[in-house]
Amino acid sequence: MLPPFIIEEIRKREAERKRADDRPRLELPLDLPRPAIVADDREKESERPGVLIIDVL
């Protein structure tokens, strides 16, 4: 049998883990990764407009 202080520590950790699991979480709607470009799609990709970079000070 384990000593009482070890049993109490295990109970505290389990209770803490349960509280952390019960907290509400924010899940962000992330876009799915784009599939790899195949040879036919490369022509379509070249028709896209260029990239505009704006430097904010």
PDB file of N, CA and C in Angstrom:
ATOM      1  N   MET A   1       0.856  -1.183   0.000  1.00  0.00           N
ATOM      2  CA  MET A   1       0.000   0.000   0.000  1.00  0.00           C
ATOM      3  C   MET A   1       0.896   1.238   0.000  1.00  0.00           C
ATOM      4  N   LEU A   2       0.448   2.240  -0.720  1.00  0.00           N
ATOM      5  CA  LEU A   2       1.205   3.495  -0.812  1.00  0.00           C
ATOM      6  C   LEU A   2       1.006   4.337   0.447  1.00  0.00           C
ATOM      7  N   PRO A   3       1.991   5.136   0.777  1.00  0.00           N
ATOM      8  CA  PRO A   3       1.838   6.046   1.916  1.00  0.00           C
ATOM      9  C   PRO A   3       0.728   7.067   1.631  1.00  0.00           C
ATOM     10  N   PRO A   4       0.066   7.539   2.671  1.00  0.00           N
ATOM     11  CA  PRO A   4      -1.072   8.467   2.493  1.00  0.00           C
ATOM     12  C   PRO A   4      -0.723   9.749   1.722  1.00  0.00           C
ATOM     13  N   PHE A   5       0.483  10.297   1.892  1.00  0.00           N
ATOM     14  CA  PHE A   5       0.803  11.544   1.196  1.00  0.00           C
ATOM     15  C   PHE A   5       0.920  11.335  -0.314  1.00  0.00           C
ATOM     16  N   ILE A   6       1.310  10.144  -0.732  1.00  0.00           N
ATOM     17  CA  ILE A   6       1.386   9.849  -2.162  1.00  0.00           C
ATOM     18  C   ILE A   6      -0.024   9.677  -2.739  1.00  0.00           C
ATOM     19  N   ILE A   7      -0.887   9.006  -1.998  1.00  0.00           N
ATOM     20  CA  ILE A   7      -2.270   8.843  -2.443  1.00  0.00           C
ATOM     21  C   ILE A   7      -2.947  10.205  -2.569  1.00  0.00           C
ATOM     22  N   GLU A   8      -2.724  11.085  -1.604  1.00  0.00           N
ATOM     23  CA  GLU A   8      -3.312  12.426  -1.647  1.00  0.00           C
ATOM     24  C   GLU A   8      -2.783  13.221  -2.847  1.00  0.00           C
ATOM     25  N   GLU A   9      -1.514  13.098  -3.145  1.00  0.00           N
ATOM     26  CA  GLU A   9      -0.931  13.794  -4.298  1.00  0.00           C
ATOM     27  C   GLU A   9      -1.540  13.278  -5.611  1.00  0.00           C
ATOM     28  N   ILE A  10      -1.754  11.982  -5.697  1.00  0.00           N
ATOM     29  CA  ILE A  10      -2.385  11.396  -6.889  1.00  0.00           C
ATOM     30  C   ILE A  10      -3.806  11.930  -7.033  1.00  0.00           C
ATOM     31  N   ARG A  11      -4.550  11.994  -5.954  1.00  0.00           N
ATOM     32  CA  ARG A  11      -5.923  12.527  -6.000  1.00  0.00           C
ATOM     33  C   ARG A  11      -5.935  13.989  -6.432  1.00  0.00           C
ATOM     34  N   LYS A  12      -4.991  14.781  -5.915  1.00  0.00           N
ATOM     35  CA  LYS A  12      -4.920  16.199  -6.297  1.00  0.00           C
ATOM     36  C   LYS A  12      -4.652  16.339  -7.795  1.00  0.00           C
ATOM     37  N   ARG A  13      -3.713  15.548  -8.299  1.00  0.00           N
ATOM     38  CA  ARG A  13      -3.380  15.631  -9.728  1.00  0.00           C
ATOM     39  C   ARG A  13      -4.550  15.195 -10.602  1.00  0.00           C
ATOM     40  N   GLU A  14      -5.271  14.143 -10.195  1.00  0.00           N
ATOM     41  CA  GLU A  14      -6.435  13.709 -10.958  1.00  0.00           C
ATOM     42  C   GLU A  14      -7.525  14.771 -10.961  1.00  0.00           C
ATOM     43  N   ALA A  15      -7.749  15.410  -9.807  1.00  0.00           N
ATOM     44  CA  ALA A  15      -8.757  16.467  -9.720  1.00  0.00           C
ATOM     45  C   ALA A  15      -8.351  17.664 -10.581  1.00  0.00           C
ATOM     46  N   GLU A  16      -7.091  18.021 -10.572  1.00  0.00           N
ATOM     47  CA  GLU A  16      -6.599  19.129 -11.388  1.00  0.00           C
ATOM     48  C   GLU A  16      -6.754  18.819 -12.877  1.00  0.00           C
ATOM     49  N   ARG A  17      -6.435  17.604 -13.262  1.00  0.00           N
ATOM     50  CA  ARG A  17      -6.566  17.194 -14.660  1.00  0.00           C
ATOM     51  C   ARG A  17      -8.031  17.229 -15.093  1.00  0.00           C
ATOM     52  N   LYS A  18      -8.929  16.806 -14.200  1.00  0.00           N
ATOM     53  CA  LYS A  18     -10.358  16.818 -14.520  1.00  0.00           C
ATOM     54  C   LYS A  18     -10.854  18.247 -14.688  1.00  0.00           C
ATOM     55  N   ARG A  19     -10.412  19.162 -13.818  1.00  0.00           N
ATOM     56  CA  ARG A  19     -10.807  20.577 -13.946  1.00  0.00           C
ATOM     57  C   ARG A  19     -10.305  21.153 -15.254  1.00  0.00           C
ATOM     58  N   ALA A  20      -9.105  20.804 -15.647  1.00  0.00           N
ATOM     59  CA  ALA A  20      -8.544  21.319 -16.901  1.00  0.00           C
ATOM     60  C   ALA A  20      -9.334  20.781 -18.098  1.00  0.00           C
ATOM     61  N   ASP A  21      -9.813  19.542 -18.020  1.00  0.00           N
ATOM     62  CA  ASP A  21     -10.593  18.962 -19.105  1.00  0.00           C
ATOM     63  C   ASP A  21     -11.991  19.574 -19.195  1.00  0.00           C
ATOM     64  N   ASP A  22     -12.524  20.039 -18.062  1.00  0.00           N
ATOM     65  CA  ASP A  22     -13.874  20.594 -18.039  1.00  0.00           C
ATOM     66  C   ASP A  22     -13.920  22.039 -18.509  1.00  0.00           C
ATOM     67  N   ARG A  23     -12.771  22.704 -18.604  1.00  0.00           N
ATOM     68  CA  ARG A  23     -12.756  24.104 -19.045  1.00  0.00           C
ATOM     69  C   ARG A  23     -13.227  24.214 -20.484  1.00  0.00           C
ATOM     70  N   PRO A  24     -13.990  25.267 -20.798  1.00  0.00           N
ATOM     71  CA  PRO A  24     -14.375  25.461 -22.197  1.00  0.00           C
ATOM     72  C   PRO A  24     -13.149  25.820 -23.038  1.00  0.00           C
ATOM     73  N   ARG A  25     -13.134  25.331 -24.261  1.00  0.00           N
ATOM     74  CA  ARG A  25     -12.011  25.594 -25.158  1.00  0.00           C
ATOM     75  C   ARG A  25     -12.517  26.298 -26.400  1.00  0.00           C
ATOM     76  N   LEU A  26     -11.705  27.152 -26.926  1.00  0.00           N
ATOM     77  CA  LEU A  26     -12.009  27.827 -28.166  1.00  0.00           C
ATOM     78  C   LEU A  26     -11.326  27.081 -29.291  1.00  0.00           C
ATOM     79  N   GLU A  27     -12.121  26.614 -30.243  1.00  0.00           N
ATOM     80  CA  GLU A  27     -11.551  25.916 -31.381  1.00  0.00           C
ATOM     81  C   GLU A  27     -11.686  26.818 -32.594  1.00  0.00           C
ATOM     82  N   LEU A  28     -10.571  27.103 -33.229  1.00  0.00           N
ATOM     83  CA  LEU A  28     -10.564  27.985 -34.376  1.00  0.00           C
ATOM     84  C   LEU A  28     -10.873  27.211 -35.650  1.00  0.00           C
ATOM     85  N   PRO A  29     -11.702  27.782 -36.513  1.00  0.00           N
ATOM     86  CA  PRO A  29     -11.976  27.106 -37.784  1.00  0.00           C
ATOM     87  C   PRO A  29     -10.806  27.315 -38.736  1.00  0.00           C
ATOM     88  N   LEU A  30      -9.945  26.354 -38.816  1.00  0.00           N
ATOM     89  CA  LEU A  30      -8.773  26.457 -39.673  1.00  0.00           C
ATOM     90  C   LEU A  30      -9.063  25.840 -41.028  1.00  0.00           C
ATOM     91  N   ASP A  31      -8.518  26.455 -42.074  1.00  0.00           N
ATOM     92  CA  ASP A  31      -8.679  25.911 -43.411  1.00  0.00           C
ATOM     93  C   ASP A  31      -7.877  24.624 -43.537  1.00  0.00           C
ATOM     94  N   LEU A  32      -8.398  23.718 -44.339  1.00  0.00           N
ATOM     95  CA  LEU A  32      -7.666  22.488 -44.594  1.00  0.00           C
ATOM     96  C   LEU A  32      -6.488  22.793 -45.499  1.00  0.00           C
ATOM     97  N   PRO A  33      -5.387  22.096 -45.342  1.00  0.00           N
ATOM     98  CA  PRO A  33      -4.235  22.345 -46.213  1.00  0.00           C
ATOM     99  C   PRO A  33      -4.595  22.068 -47.664  1.00  0.00           C
ATOM    100  N   ARG A  34      -4.043  22.891 -48.550  1.00  0.00           N
ATOM    101  CA  ARG A  34      -4.308  22.722 -49.978  1.00  0.00           C
ATOM    102  C   ARG A  34      -3.577  21.492 -50.493  1.00  0.00           C
ATOM    103  N   PRO A  35      -4.193  20.794 -51.431  1.00  0.00           N
ATOM    104  CA  PRO A  35      -3.503  19.638 -52.009  1.00  0.00           C
ATOM    105  C   PRO A  35      -2.299  20.100 -52.827  1.00  0.00           C
ATOM    106  N   ALA A  36      -1.367  19.209 -53.022  1.00  0.00           N
ATOM    107  CA  ALA A  36      -0.169  19.530 -53.796  1.00  0.00           C
ATOM    108  C   ALA A  36      -0.560  19.871 -55.231  1.00  0.00           C
ATOM    109  N   ILE A  37       0.188  20.788 -55.824  1.00  0.00           N
ATOM    110  CA  ILE A  37      -0.096  21.227 -57.184  1.00  0.00           C
ATOM    111  C   ILE A  37       0.425  20.180 -58.163  1.00  0.00           C
ATOM    112  N   VAL A  38      -0.451  19.733 -59.026  1.00  0.00           N
ATOM    113  CA  VAL A  38      -0.037  18.794 -60.062  1.00  0.00           C
ATOM    114  C   VAL A  38       0.235  19.575 -61.335  1.00  0.00           C
ATOM    115  N   ALA A  39       0.766  18.935 -62.363  1.00  0.00           N
ATOM    116  CA  ALA A  39       1.191  19.608 -63.592  1.00  0.00           C
ATOM    117  C   ALA A  39       0.057  20.406 -64.234  1.00  0.00           C
ATOM    118  N   ASP A  40      -1.173  19.893 -64.238  1.00  0.00           N
ATOM    119  CA  ASP A  40      -2.293  20.593 -64.866  1.00  0.00           C
ATOM    120  C   ASP A  40      -2.662  21.865 -64.103  1.00  0.00           C
ATOM    121  N   ASP A  41      -2.495  21.848 -62.800  1.00  0.00           N
ATOM    122  CA  ASP A  41      -2.862  22.995 -61.987  1.00  0.00           C
ATOM    123  C   ASP A  41      -1.816  24.105 -62.049  1.00  0.00           C
ATOM    124  N   ARG A  42      -0.629  23.823 -62.480  1.00  0.00           N
ATOM    125  CA  ARG A  42       0.420  24.844 -62.520  1.00  0.00           C
ATOM    126  C   ARG A  42       0.054  25.966 -63.477  1.00  0.00           C
ATOM    127  N   GLU A  43      -0.611  25.642 -64.565  1.00  0.00           N
ATOM    128  CA  GLU A  43      -1.028  26.670 -65.500  1.00  0.00           C
ATOM    129  C   GLU A  43      -2.058  27.588 -64.849  1.00  0.00           C
ATOM    130  N   LYS A  44      -2.973  27.024 -64.092  1.00  0.00           N
ATOM    131  CA  LYS A  44      -3.974  27.828 -63.403  1.00  0.00           C
ATOM    132  C   LYS A  44      -3.317  28.718 -62.356  1.00  0.00           C
ATOM    133  N   GLU A  45      -2.335  28.196 -61.655  1.00  0.00           N
ATOM    134  CA  GLU A  45      -1.645  28.954 -60.620  1.00  0.00           C
ATOM    135  C   GLU A  45      -0.905  30.152 -61.204  1.00  0.00           C
ATOM    136  N   SER A  46      -0.394  30.037 -62.433  1.00  0.00           N
ATOM    137  CA  SER A  46       0.350  31.146 -63.027  1.00  0.00           C
ATOM    138  C   SER A  46      -0.566  32.302 -63.383  1.00  0.00           C
ATOM    139  N   GLU A  47      -1.869  32.078 -63.489  1.00  0.00           N
ATOM    140  CA  GLU A  47      -2.818  33.130 -63.806  1.00  0.00           C
ATOM    141  C   GLU A  47      -3.216  33.946 -62.580  1.00  0.00           C
ATOM    142  N   ARG A  48      -2.830  33.510 -61.417  1.00  0.00           N
ATOM    143  CA  ARG A  48      -3.185  34.244 -60.199  1.00  0.00           C
ATOM    144  C   ARG A  48      -2.455  35.565 -60.147  1.00  0.00           C
ATOM    145  N   PRO A  49      -3.067  36.578 -59.517  1.00  0.00           N
ATOM    146  CA  PRO A  49      -2.367  37.848 -59.363  1.00  0.00           C
ATOM    147  C   PRO A  49      -1.174  37.697 -58.422  1.00  0.00           C
ATOM    148  N   GLY A  50      -0.252  38.640 -58.509  1.00  0.00           N
ATOM    149  CA  GLY A  50       0.951  38.590 -57.679  1.00  0.00           C
ATOM    150  C   GLY A  50       0.659  38.860 -56.215  1.00  0.00           C
ATOM    151  N   VAL A  51       1.692  38.893 -55.421  1.00  0.00           N
ATOM    152  CA  VAL A  51       1.580  39.124 -53.986  1.00  0.00           C
ATOM    153  C   VAL A  51       1.911  40.573 -53.699  1.00  0.00           C
ATOM    154  N   LEU A  52       1.132  41.210 -52.852  1.00  0.00           N
ATOM    155  CA  LEU A  52       1.362  42.585 -52.463  1.00  0.00           C
ATOM    156  C   LEU A  52       1.814  42.595 -51.017  1.00  0.00           C
ATOM    157  N   ILE A  53       2.979  43.157 -50.745  1.00  0.00           N
ATOM    158  CA  ILE A  53       3.519  43.222 -49.385  1.00  0.00           C
ATOM    159  C   ILE A  53       3.474  44.679 -48.946  1.00  0.00           C
ATOM    160  N   ILE A  54       2.833  44.919 -47.811  1.00  0.00           N
ATOM    161  CA  ILE A  54       2.731  46.268 -47.257  1.00  0.00           C
ATOM    162  C   ILE A  54       3.527  46.289 -45.971  1.00  0.00           C
ATOM    163  N   ASP A  55       4.476  47.199 -45.896  1.00  0.00           N
ATOM    164  CA  ASP A  55       5.315  47.327 -44.703  1.00  0.00           C
ATOM    165  C   ASP A  55       4.695  48.349 -43.760  1.00  0.00           C
ATOM    166  N   VAL A  56       4.319  47.914 -42.577  1.00  0.00           N
ATOM    167  CA  VAL A  56       3.692  48.783 -41.590  1.00  0.00           C
ATOM    168  C   VAL A  56       4.756  49.120 -40.543  1.00  0.00           C
ATOM    169  N   LEU A  57       4.944  50.412 -40.350  1.00  0.00           N
ATOM    170  CA  LEU A  57       5.960  50.845 -39.372  1.00  0.00           C
ATOM    171  C   LEU A  57       5.399  50.913 -37.995  1.00  0.00           C
TER     172      LEU A  57
END
